Amino acid sequence: MRRPLTVQTQFSCGKFIADHRIPPYFIAMSQKSSMRALVHRGVQHGDKIKQYGALCVRATSVGTLEVLLITTRQTKRWTIPKGWPIKGLEPHKVAEQEAWEEAGVIGRAKKRAFGSFTYTKRLAGGALTPALVEVHVLDVGRCRRRFPEWNERTLLWLPPAEAARLIAEFELQRILRQLQNMSRRASP
């Protein structure tokens, strides 16, 4: 019986998918295979790529809760900051890094995931693959006007229930509604 192979892949953006365990059916592929081919083959076998997301939250001056939505770079649909695993960083730290890079948010993410959702990720070259995003709540400390992707995205702060109406992914809508219900219970 063949054992899984562990590989490390770097994307053009410089981020690493940290030490992916590649099942035996991938090992037979040529060493010249790209990550796209590995992901595509994995999708055929029901695998999902993993990402980490930041559910950025802040309190308004009147004490209500708001969450941050950002647009995706290609399709301009509303989502939360999210990205690939980064070698050497824990998932909640990856969420903090993505919040900074994609939205200019500086804050602390909870170690424990608040939930997860799936969506269809478009890879370079147009290939589609399912992605599983582990969502960490991030308490916003500061927001910067200039950040690495400031000219590629639109940012929008909304109450969680309103944000859920703009989101296409049902599971992310559910997470936002769950946050809204929790904030209602916490209010006097």
N, C-alpha and C. Protein backbone atom coordinates (compact mmCIF):
# COMPACT_ATOMS: atom_id res chain seq x y z
N MET A 1 0.84 -1.19 0.00
CA MET A 1 0.00 0.00 0.00
C MET A 1 0.88 1.25 0.00
N ARG A 2 0.58 2.17 -0.87
CA ARG A 2 1.35 3.41 -0.95
C ARG A 2 0.95 4.36 0.18
N ARG A 3 1.92 5.11 0.67
CA ARG A 3 1.66 6.09 1.71
C ARG A 3 1.50 7.47 1.07
N PRO A 4 0.73 8.37 1.72
CA PRO A 4 0.60 9.72 1.18
C PRO A 4 1.95 10.43 1.14
N LEU A 5 2.13 11.27 0.16
CA LEU A 5 3.33 12.07 0.01
C LEU A 5 3.02 13.47 0.52
N THR A 6 3.96 14.08 1.21
CA THR A 6 3.77 15.45 1.68
C THR A 6 4.55 16.38 0.76
N VAL A 7 3.86 17.38 0.23
CA VAL A 7 4.51 18.36 -0.65
C VAL A 7 4.24 19.75 -0.13
N GLN A 8 5.08 20.69 -0.57
CA GLN A 8 4.89 22.08 -0.20
C GLN A 8 4.87 22.87 -1.50
N THR A 9 3.86 23.70 -1.69
CA THR A 9 3.71 24.40 -2.94
C THR A 9 3.65 25.90 -2.68
N GLN A 10 4.34 26.67 -3.51
CA GLN A 10 4.30 28.11 -3.42
C GLN A 10 3.53 28.66 -4.60
N PHE A 11 2.57 29.55 -4.32
CA PHE A 11 1.80 30.18 -5.38
C PHE A 11 2.50 31.45 -5.85
N SER A 12 2.06 31.99 -6.96
CA SER A 12 2.70 33.16 -7.54
C SER A 12 2.65 34.36 -6.60
N CYS A 13 1.69 34.38 -5.69
CA CYS A 13 1.59 35.49 -4.74
C CYS A 13 2.61 35.35 -3.61
N GLY A 14 3.34 34.22 -3.57
CA GLY A 14 4.36 34.04 -2.55
C GLY A 14 3.89 33.28 -1.33
N LYS A 15 2.60 33.00 -1.23
CA LYS A 15 2.07 32.28 -0.07
C LYS A 15 2.25 30.79 -0.29
N PHE A 16 2.39 30.07 0.80
CA PHE A 16 2.55 28.63 0.72
C PHE A 16 1.27 27.93 1.13
N ILE A 17 0.97 26.85 0.47
CA ILE A 17 0.00 25.91 0.99
C ILE A 17 0.86 24.98 1.83
N ALA A 18 0.68 25.04 3.11
CA ALA A 18 1.61 24.39 4.02
C ALA A 18 1.48 22.88 3.98
N ASP A 19 2.54 22.23 3.57
CA ASP A 19 2.71 20.79 3.67
C ASP A 19 1.43 20.00 3.42
N HIS A 20 0.93 20.06 2.19
CA HIS A 20 -0.25 19.28 1.84
C HIS A 20 0.09 17.81 1.81
N ARG A 21 -0.77 16.99 2.34
CA ARG A 21 -0.60 15.54 2.24
C ARG A 21 -1.29 15.10 0.96
N ILE A 22 -0.52 14.57 0.04
CA ILE A 22 -1.04 14.19 -1.26
C ILE A 22 -1.35 12.69 -1.23
N PRO A 23 -2.61 12.33 -1.49
CA PRO A 23 -2.99 10.91 -1.47
C PRO A 23 -2.24 10.11 -2.54
N PRO A 24 -2.18 8.79 -2.37
CA PRO A 24 -1.43 7.93 -3.29
C PRO A 24 -1.82 8.09 -4.76
N TYR A 25 -3.10 8.39 -5.06
CA TYR A 25 -3.48 8.49 -6.47
C TYR A 25 -2.85 9.70 -7.14
N PHE A 26 -2.29 10.65 -6.38
CA PHE A 26 -1.57 11.77 -6.96
C PHE A 26 -0.12 11.43 -7.27
N ILE A 27 0.45 10.51 -6.51
CA ILE A 27 1.88 10.24 -6.60
C ILE A 27 2.27 9.76 -7.99
N ALA A 28 1.40 9.03 -8.65
CA ALA A 28 1.71 8.49 -9.97
C ALA A 28 1.84 9.59 -11.02
N MET A 29 1.35 10.79 -10.72
CA MET A 29 1.42 11.88 -11.69
C MET A 29 2.87 12.33 -11.89
N SER A 30 3.14 12.90 -13.01
CA SER A 30 4.48 13.40 -13.34
C SER A 30 4.94 14.43 -12.32
N GLN A 31 6.23 14.49 -12.06
CA GLN A 31 6.77 15.48 -11.14
C GLN A 31 6.62 16.89 -11.69
N LYS A 32 6.39 17.02 -12.99
CA LYS A 32 6.24 18.33 -13.59
C LYS A 32 4.81 18.86 -13.45
N SER A 33 3.92 18.10 -12.81
CA SER A 33 2.53 18.52 -12.66
C SER A 33 2.45 19.80 -11.83
N SER A 34 1.55 20.67 -12.23
CA SER A 34 1.35 21.91 -11.48
C SER A 34 0.38 21.67 -10.33
N MET A 35 0.33 22.62 -9.41
CA MET A 35 -0.62 22.52 -8.31
C MET A 35 -2.04 22.49 -8.85
N ARG A 36 -2.28 23.22 -9.95
CA ARG A 36 -3.61 23.24 -10.54
C ARG A 36 -4.04 21.84 -10.94
N ALA A 37 -3.14 21.08 -11.51
CA ALA A 37 -3.46 19.71 -11.90
C ALA A 37 -3.74 18.86 -10.67
N LEU A 38 -2.95 19.06 -9.61
CA LEU A 38 -3.17 18.31 -8.38
C LEU A 38 -4.53 18.65 -7.77
N VAL A 39 -4.84 19.94 -7.74
CA VAL A 39 -6.13 20.35 -7.18
C VAL A 39 -7.26 19.78 -8.03
N HIS A 40 -7.14 19.89 -9.36
CA HIS A 40 -8.18 19.38 -10.25
C HIS A 40 -8.39 17.88 -10.03
N ARG A 41 -7.31 17.15 -9.96
CA ARG A 41 -7.41 15.70 -9.74
C ARG A 41 -8.05 15.41 -8.39
N GLY A 42 -7.68 16.22 -7.38
CA GLY A 42 -8.26 16.04 -6.05
C GLY A 42 -9.75 16.30 -6.04
N VAL A 43 -10.20 17.29 -6.81
CA VAL A 43 -11.62 17.59 -6.90
C VAL A 43 -12.37 16.40 -7.48
N GLN A 44 -11.76 15.72 -8.43
CA GLN A 44 -12.40 14.55 -9.01
C GLN A 44 -12.60 13.46 -7.95
N HIS A 45 -11.80 13.48 -6.92
CA HIS A 45 -11.89 12.48 -5.86
C HIS A 45 -12.59 13.05 -4.61
N GLY A 46 -13.21 14.22 -4.73
CA GLY A 46 -13.99 14.79 -3.64
C GLY A 46 -13.20 15.62 -2.65
N ASP A 47 -11.93 15.92 -2.92
CA ASP A 47 -11.14 16.74 -2.01
C ASP A 47 -11.54 18.21 -2.15
N LYS A 48 -11.26 18.99 -1.08
CA LYS A 48 -11.49 20.43 -1.11
C LYS A 48 -10.19 21.11 -0.72
N ILE A 49 -9.95 22.30 -1.28
CA ILE A 49 -8.81 23.07 -0.81
C ILE A 49 -9.24 23.79 0.45
N LYS A 50 -8.30 24.10 1.31
CA LYS A 50 -8.60 24.73 2.60
C LYS A 50 -8.11 26.16 2.59
N GLN A 51 -8.94 27.05 3.12
CA GLN A 51 -8.57 28.45 3.30
C GLN A 51 -9.01 28.88 4.69
N TYR A 52 -8.51 30.05 5.10
CA TYR A 52 -8.88 30.62 6.40
C TYR A 52 -9.43 32.01 6.18
N GLY A 53 -10.55 32.33 6.86
CA GLY A 53 -11.20 33.61 6.68
C GLY A 53 -11.32 34.38 7.97
N ALA A 54 -11.44 35.70 7.83
CA ALA A 54 -11.60 36.61 8.97
C ALA A 54 -12.98 37.23 8.91
N LEU A 55 -13.78 36.99 9.93
CA LEU A 55 -15.06 37.67 10.09
C LEU A 55 -14.78 38.88 10.97
N CYS A 56 -14.51 40.01 10.32
CA CYS A 56 -14.10 41.24 11.01
C CYS A 56 -15.33 41.91 11.63
N VAL A 57 -15.28 42.13 12.94
CA VAL A 57 -16.41 42.74 13.65
C VAL A 57 -15.95 43.97 14.41
N ARG A 58 -16.85 44.96 14.50
CA ARG A 58 -16.59 46.16 15.29
C ARG A 58 -17.91 46.64 15.88
N ALA A 59 -17.82 47.38 16.96
CA ALA A 59 -19.00 47.99 17.59
C ALA A 59 -19.11 49.43 17.11
N THR A 60 -20.32 49.87 16.81
CA THR A 60 -20.55 51.25 16.39
C THR A 60 -20.61 52.14 17.63
N SER A 61 -20.72 53.44 17.42
CA SER A 61 -20.79 54.38 18.53
C SER A 61 -22.05 54.19 19.38
N VAL A 62 -23.10 53.59 18.80
CA VAL A 62 -24.32 53.34 19.56
C VAL A 62 -24.38 51.91 20.10
N GLY A 63 -23.29 51.18 19.93
CA GLY A 63 -23.19 49.85 20.52
C GLY A 63 -23.70 48.69 19.68
N THR A 64 -24.07 48.96 18.43
CA THR A 64 -24.50 47.85 17.56
C THR A 64 -23.27 47.22 16.90
N LEU A 65 -23.44 46.02 16.41
CA LEU A 65 -22.35 45.26 15.81
C LEU A 65 -22.37 45.43 14.29
N GLU A 66 -21.19 45.59 13.70
CA GLU A 66 -21.05 45.62 12.25
C GLU A 66 -19.98 44.62 11.84
N VAL A 67 -20.16 44.07 10.62
CA VAL A 67 -19.18 43.16 10.04
C VAL A 67 -18.69 43.76 8.72
N LEU A 68 -17.50 43.34 8.33
CA LEU A 68 -16.89 43.84 7.11
C LEU A 68 -17.10 42.87 5.97
N LEU A 69 -17.57 43.40 4.85
CA LEU A 69 -17.60 42.65 3.60
C LEU A 69 -16.64 43.31 2.63
N ILE A 70 -16.02 42.49 1.78
CA ILE A 70 -15.14 43.00 0.74
C ILE A 70 -15.57 42.35 -0.58
N THR A 71 -15.20 43.00 -1.67
CA THR A 71 -15.48 42.39 -2.98
C THR A 71 -14.30 41.49 -3.38
N THR A 72 -14.63 40.45 -4.13
CA THR A 72 -13.57 39.61 -4.70
C THR A 72 -12.92 40.39 -5.83
N ARG A 73 -11.70 40.01 -6.16
CA ARG A 73 -10.97 40.76 -7.19
C ARG A 73 -11.51 40.50 -8.59
N GLN A 74 -11.91 39.28 -8.88
CA GLN A 74 -12.34 38.97 -10.25
C GLN A 74 -13.82 39.19 -10.48
N THR A 75 -14.67 38.57 -9.66
CA THR A 75 -16.11 38.61 -9.93
C THR A 75 -16.83 39.75 -9.21
N LYS A 76 -16.14 40.41 -8.29
CA LYS A 76 -16.69 41.55 -7.54
C LYS A 76 -17.91 41.18 -6.68
N ARG A 77 -18.03 39.90 -6.30
CA ARG A 77 -19.11 39.53 -5.39
C ARG A 77 -18.65 39.78 -3.97
N TRP A 78 -19.62 39.90 -3.04
CA TRP A 78 -19.30 40.21 -1.65
C TRP A 78 -18.89 38.95 -0.89
N THR A 79 -17.87 39.09 -0.05
CA THR A 79 -17.37 38.00 0.76
C THR A 79 -16.62 38.57 1.97
N ILE A 80 -15.89 37.72 2.68
CA ILE A 80 -15.05 38.16 3.80
C ILE A 80 -13.59 37.95 3.39
N PRO A 81 -12.65 38.62 4.07
CA PRO A 81 -11.24 38.36 3.78
C PRO A 81 -10.89 36.89 4.06
N LYS A 82 -10.21 36.27 3.12
CA LYS A 82 -9.84 34.86 3.27
C LYS A 82 -8.66 34.56 2.38
N GLY A 83 -7.95 33.49 2.71
CA GLY A 83 -6.81 33.14 1.88
C GLY A 83 -6.22 31.80 2.23
N TRP A 84 -5.14 31.48 1.52
CA TRP A 84 -4.46 30.20 1.64
C TRP A 84 -3.74 30.08 2.97
N PRO A 85 -3.52 28.84 3.42
CA PRO A 85 -2.66 28.63 4.59
C PRO A 85 -1.27 29.22 4.32
N ILE A 86 -0.63 29.71 5.36
CA ILE A 86 0.71 30.27 5.25
C ILE A 86 1.62 29.45 6.16
N LYS A 87 2.68 28.94 5.59
CA LYS A 87 3.61 28.09 6.34
C LYS A 87 4.11 28.83 7.58
N GLY A 88 4.01 28.16 8.73
CA GLY A 88 4.50 28.73 9.98
C GLY A 88 3.47 29.54 10.74
N LEU A 89 2.30 29.78 10.17
CA LEU A 89 1.26 30.56 10.87
C LEU A 89 0.08 29.68 11.23
N GLU A 90 -0.44 29.89 12.43
CA GLU A 90 -1.65 29.19 12.85
C GLU A 90 -2.83 29.77 12.08
N PRO A 91 -3.94 29.01 11.97
CA PRO A 91 -5.09 29.48 11.19
C PRO A 91 -5.61 30.87 11.59
N HIS A 92 -5.70 31.17 12.87
CA HIS A 92 -6.22 32.48 13.27
C HIS A 92 -5.25 33.60 12.90
N LYS A 93 -3.96 33.30 12.85
CA LYS A 93 -2.97 34.30 12.43
C LYS A 93 -3.04 34.52 10.91
N VAL A 94 -3.35 33.46 10.17
CA VAL A 94 -3.57 33.60 8.73
C VAL A 94 -4.77 34.52 8.49
N ALA A 95 -5.83 34.33 9.28
CA ALA A 95 -7.03 35.18 9.15
C ALA A 95 -6.66 36.65 9.41
N GLU A 96 -5.84 36.91 10.42
CA GLU A 96 -5.39 38.28 10.71
C GLU A 96 -4.61 38.85 9.52
N GLN A 97 -3.72 38.04 8.96
CA GLN A 97 -2.91 38.48 7.82
C GLN A 97 -3.78 38.80 6.61
N GLU A 98 -4.76 37.95 6.33
CA GLU A 98 -5.66 38.18 5.20
C GLU A 98 -6.50 39.43 5.41
N ALA A 99 -6.96 39.67 6.64
CA ALA A 99 -7.74 40.88 6.93
C ALA A 99 -6.91 42.13 6.64
N TRP A 100 -5.63 42.09 6.99
CA TRP A 100 -4.76 43.23 6.70
C TRP A 100 -4.55 43.40 5.19
N GLU A 101 -4.15 42.32 4.51
CA GLU A 101 -3.83 42.41 3.09
C GLU A 101 -5.02 42.80 2.23
N GLU A 102 -6.19 42.24 2.54
CA GLU A 102 -7.36 42.44 1.67
C GLU A 102 -8.26 43.59 2.10
N ALA A 103 -8.15 44.04 3.37
CA ALA A 103 -9.08 45.07 3.84
C ALA A 103 -8.45 46.15 4.71
N GLY A 104 -7.17 46.05 5.03
CA GLY A 104 -6.53 47.06 5.86
C GLY A 104 -6.92 47.01 7.31
N VAL A 105 -7.44 45.86 7.76
CA VAL A 105 -7.91 45.71 9.13
C VAL A 105 -6.79 45.15 10.00
N ILE A 106 -6.61 45.77 11.16
CA ILE A 106 -5.65 45.29 12.14
C ILE A 106 -6.45 44.93 13.38
N GLY A 107 -6.28 43.71 13.87
CA GLY A 107 -7.03 43.27 15.05
C GLY A 107 -6.57 41.89 15.48
N ARG A 108 -7.33 41.34 16.42
CA ARG A 108 -7.00 40.01 16.95
C ARG A 108 -8.11 39.03 16.61
N ALA A 109 -7.71 37.92 16.00
CA ALA A 109 -8.67 36.87 15.65
C ALA A 109 -8.71 35.84 16.77
N LYS A 110 -9.87 35.28 16.97
CA LYS A 110 -10.05 34.21 17.95
C LYS A 110 -9.36 32.95 17.44
N LYS A 111 -8.73 32.21 18.37
CA LYS A 111 -8.07 30.96 17.98
C LYS A 111 -9.07 29.93 17.50
N ARG A 112 -10.20 29.86 18.18
CA ARG A 112 -11.21 28.87 17.85
C ARG A 112 -12.06 29.35 16.68
N ALA A 113 -12.25 28.49 15.70
CA ALA A 113 -13.06 28.86 14.53
C ALA A 113 -14.52 29.05 14.95
N PHE A 114 -15.16 30.05 14.35
CA PHE A 114 -16.57 30.34 14.61
C PHE A 114 -17.48 29.48 13.74
N GLY A 115 -16.96 29.04 12.61
CA GLY A 115 -17.73 28.22 11.69
C GLY A 115 -16.92 28.00 10.43
N SER A 116 -17.56 27.45 9.43
CA SER A 116 -16.90 27.24 8.14
C SER A 116 -17.95 27.29 7.03
N PHE A 117 -17.47 27.56 5.83
CA PHE A 117 -18.37 27.56 4.67
C PHE A 117 -17.59 27.07 3.46
N THR A 118 -18.32 26.65 2.46
CA THR A 118 -17.71 26.21 1.21
C THR A 118 -18.12 27.17 0.09
N TYR A 119 -17.27 27.26 -0.89
CA TYR A 119 -17.58 28.04 -2.09
C TYR A 119 -16.77 27.48 -3.24
N THR A 120 -17.05 27.93 -4.43
CA THR A 120 -16.32 27.48 -5.60
C THR A 120 -15.22 28.49 -5.91
N LYS A 121 -13.98 28.05 -5.83
CA LYS A 121 -12.81 28.90 -6.07
C LYS A 121 -12.39 28.80 -7.53
N ARG A 122 -12.18 29.95 -8.14
CA ARG A 122 -11.67 29.98 -9.51
C ARG A 122 -10.16 30.12 -9.43
N LEU A 123 -9.44 29.14 -9.95
CA LEU A 123 -7.99 29.14 -9.94
C LEU A 123 -7.46 29.84 -11.18
N ALA A 124 -6.17 30.11 -11.18
CA ALA A 124 -5.53 30.69 -12.37
C ALA A 124 -5.79 29.76 -13.55
N GLY A 125 -6.12 30.32 -14.66
CA GLY A 125 -6.42 29.51 -15.84
C GLY A 125 -7.90 29.18 -15.95
N GLY A 126 -8.70 29.57 -14.94
CA GLY A 126 -10.14 29.38 -15.02
C GLY A 126 -10.69 28.11 -14.41
N ALA A 127 -9.81 27.21 -13.93
CA ALA A 127 -10.30 25.98 -13.31
C ALA A 127 -11.09 26.29 -12.05
N LEU A 128 -12.16 25.53 -11.80
CA LEU A 128 -12.99 25.72 -10.61
C LEU A 128 -12.77 24.55 -9.66
N THR A 129 -12.75 24.83 -8.37
CA THR A 129 -12.56 23.80 -7.36
C THR A 129 -13.31 24.18 -6.09
N PRO A 130 -13.84 23.20 -5.36
CA PRO A 130 -14.49 23.54 -4.10
C PRO A 130 -13.45 23.92 -3.05
N ALA A 131 -13.76 24.92 -2.25
CA ALA A 131 -12.88 25.37 -1.18
C ALA A 131 -13.65 25.38 0.13
N LEU A 132 -12.99 24.96 1.20
CA LEU A 132 -13.56 24.99 2.54
C LEU A 132 -12.85 26.10 3.30
N VAL A 133 -13.62 27.08 3.80
CA VAL A 133 -13.05 28.22 4.52
C VAL A 133 -13.40 28.09 6.00
N GLU A 134 -12.36 28.04 6.84
CA GLU A 134 -12.53 28.04 8.29
C GLU A 134 -12.56 29.51 8.73
N VAL A 135 -13.66 29.93 9.37
CA VAL A 135 -13.89 31.34 9.69
C VAL A 135 -13.54 31.63 11.15
N HIS A 136 -12.70 32.66 11.34
CA HIS A 136 -12.32 33.12 12.68
C HIS A 136 -12.83 34.54 12.89
N VAL A 137 -13.49 34.78 14.02
CA VAL A 137 -13.96 36.13 14.34
C VAL A 137 -12.74 36.98 14.68
N LEU A 138 -12.67 38.16 14.09
CA LEU A 138 -11.56 39.08 14.32
C LEU A 138 -12.11 40.37 14.92
N ASP A 139 -11.68 40.69 16.14
CA ASP A 139 -12.06 41.95 16.78
C ASP A 139 -11.19 43.06 16.21
N VAL A 140 -11.81 44.01 15.53
CA VAL A 140 -11.08 45.06 14.82
C VAL A 140 -10.55 46.09 15.82
N GLY A 141 -9.26 46.35 15.70
CA GLY A 141 -8.63 47.40 16.50
C GLY A 141 -8.51 48.69 15.71
N ARG A 142 -7.97 48.57 14.49
CA ARG A 142 -7.77 49.72 13.62
C ARG A 142 -8.02 49.34 12.17
N CYS A 143 -8.29 50.36 11.36
CA CYS A 143 -8.44 50.18 9.92
C CYS A 143 -7.56 51.20 9.22
N ARG A 144 -6.84 50.75 8.23
CA ARG A 144 -5.97 51.63 7.44
C ARG A 144 -6.60 51.90 6.08
N ARG A 145 -6.36 53.10 5.57
CA ARG A 145 -6.87 53.44 4.24
C ARG A 145 -6.05 52.80 3.13
N ARG A 146 -4.76 52.65 3.36
CA ARG A 146 -3.86 52.03 2.38
C ARG A 146 -3.41 50.68 2.92
N PHE A 147 -3.54 49.68 2.08
CA PHE A 147 -3.16 48.31 2.42
C PHE A 147 -2.82 47.61 1.12
N PRO A 148 -2.22 46.42 1.17
CA PRO A 148 -1.72 45.81 -0.07
C PRO A 148 -2.72 45.73 -1.23
N GLU A 149 -3.99 45.49 -0.98
CA GLU A 149 -4.96 45.34 -2.06
C GLU A 149 -5.99 46.47 -2.09
N TRP A 150 -5.62 47.65 -1.61
CA TRP A 150 -6.56 48.76 -1.45
C TRP A 150 -7.22 49.18 -2.76
N ASN A 151 -6.51 49.08 -3.87
CA ASN A 151 -7.09 49.52 -5.14
C ASN A 151 -7.79 48.41 -5.91
N GLU A 152 -7.90 47.21 -5.31
CA GLU A 152 -8.52 46.08 -5.99
C GLU A 152 -9.86 45.67 -5.39
N ARG A 153 -10.21 46.26 -4.26
CA ARG A 153 -11.40 45.80 -3.53
C ARG A 153 -12.24 46.97 -3.05
N THR A 154 -13.53 46.69 -2.83
CA THR A 154 -14.44 47.63 -2.20
C THR A 154 -14.79 47.07 -0.83
N LEU A 155 -14.82 47.93 0.19
CA LEU A 155 -15.13 47.51 1.56
C LEU A 155 -16.48 48.08 1.97
N LEU A 156 -17.20 47.32 2.79
CA LEU A 156 -18.52 47.73 3.25
C LEU A 156 -18.76 47.20 4.65
N TRP A 157 -19.10 48.10 5.59
CA TRP A 157 -19.44 47.71 6.96
C TRP A 157 -20.95 47.71 7.10
N LEU A 158 -21.51 46.60 7.60
CA LEU A 158 -22.96 46.45 7.74
C LEU A 158 -23.29 45.63 8.98
N PRO A 159 -24.53 45.78 9.51
CA PRO A 159 -24.97 44.82 10.53
C PRO A 159 -24.98 43.41 9.93
N PRO A 160 -24.73 42.40 10.73
CA PRO A 160 -24.62 41.03 10.19
C PRO A 160 -25.82 40.58 9.36
N ALA A 161 -27.04 40.91 9.79
CA ALA A 161 -28.22 40.48 9.05
C ALA A 161 -28.27 41.11 7.66
N GLU A 162 -27.90 42.38 7.55
CA GLU A 162 -27.87 43.05 6.24
C GLU A 162 -26.75 42.47 5.37
N ALA A 163 -25.61 42.20 5.98
CA ALA A 163 -24.49 41.62 5.24
C ALA A 163 -24.87 40.26 4.66
N ALA A 164 -25.63 39.49 5.43
CA ALA A 164 -26.04 38.14 4.97
C ALA A 164 -26.85 38.22 3.69
N ARG A 165 -27.61 39.29 3.50
CA ARG A 165 -28.43 39.43 2.29
C ARG A 165 -27.58 39.66 1.03
N LEU A 166 -26.35 40.13 1.20
CA LEU A 166 -25.49 40.41 0.05
C LEU A 166 -24.59 39.23 -0.32
N ILE A 167 -24.53 38.22 0.54
CA ILE A 167 -23.63 37.08 0.37
C ILE A 167 -24.30 35.99 -0.46
N ALA A 168 -23.57 35.41 -1.39
CA ALA A 168 -24.10 34.34 -2.24
C ALA A 168 -24.05 32.97 -1.54
N GLU A 169 -23.05 32.74 -0.71
CA GLU A 169 -22.85 31.42 -0.08
C GLU A 169 -23.79 31.25 1.10
N PHE A 170 -24.66 30.25 1.03
CA PHE A 170 -25.65 30.01 2.07
C PHE A 170 -25.01 29.79 3.44
N GLU A 171 -23.92 29.01 3.49
CA GLU A 171 -23.30 28.72 4.78
C GLU A 171 -22.70 29.97 5.42
N LEU A 172 -22.17 30.88 4.62
CA LEU A 172 -21.66 32.14 5.17
C LEU A 172 -22.82 33.03 5.62
N GLN A 173 -23.93 32.99 4.91
CA GLN A 173 -25.13 33.71 5.37
C GLN A 173 -25.54 33.22 6.76
N ARG A 174 -25.52 31.90 6.94
CA ARG A 174 -25.89 31.29 8.22
C ARG A 174 -24.94 31.76 9.33
N ILE A 175 -23.65 31.83 9.05
CA ILE A 175 -22.68 32.30 10.04
C ILE A 175 -22.98 33.74 10.44
N LEU A 176 -23.29 34.58 9.46
CA LEU A 176 -23.59 35.99 9.75
C LEU A 176 -24.88 36.12 10.57
N ARG A 177 -25.89 35.32 10.25
CA ARG A 177 -27.14 35.36 11.03
C ARG A 177 -26.91 34.85 12.46
N GLN A 178 -26.06 33.85 12.59
CA GLN A 178 -25.73 33.33 13.91
C GLN A 178 -25.04 34.42 14.75
N LEU A 179 -24.14 35.17 14.14
CA LEU A 179 -23.48 36.28 14.83
C LEU A 179 -24.49 37.35 15.22
N GLN A 180 -25.44 37.65 14.32
CA GLN A 180 -26.48 38.64 14.62
C GLN A 180 -27.32 38.20 15.82
N ASN A 181 -27.72 36.92 15.84
CA ASN A 181 -28.51 36.41 16.96
C ASN A 181 -27.74 36.45 18.26
N MET A 182 -26.45 36.16 18.23
CA MET A 182 -25.64 36.22 19.44
C MET A 182 -25.52 37.65 19.95
N SER A 183 -25.39 38.61 19.05
CA SER A 183 -25.26 40.00 19.47
C SER A 183 -26.58 40.53 20.05
N ARG A 184 -27.70 40.04 19.55
CA ARG A 184 -29.02 40.43 20.11
C ARG A 184 -29.18 39.93 21.53
N ARG A 185 -28.75 38.68 21.76
CA ARG A 185 -28.84 38.11 23.11
C ARG A 185 -27.92 38.82 24.09
N ALA A 186 -26.79 39.32 23.60
CA ALA A 186 -25.83 40.00 24.47
C ALA A 186 -26.27 41.42 24.78
N SER A 187 -27.18 41.99 23.96
CA SER A 187 -27.64 43.37 24.19
C SER A 187 -28.61 43.41 25.37
N PRO A 188 -28.60 44.53 26.14
CA PRO A 188 -29.51 44.63 27.30
C PRO A 188 -30.95 44.73 26.88
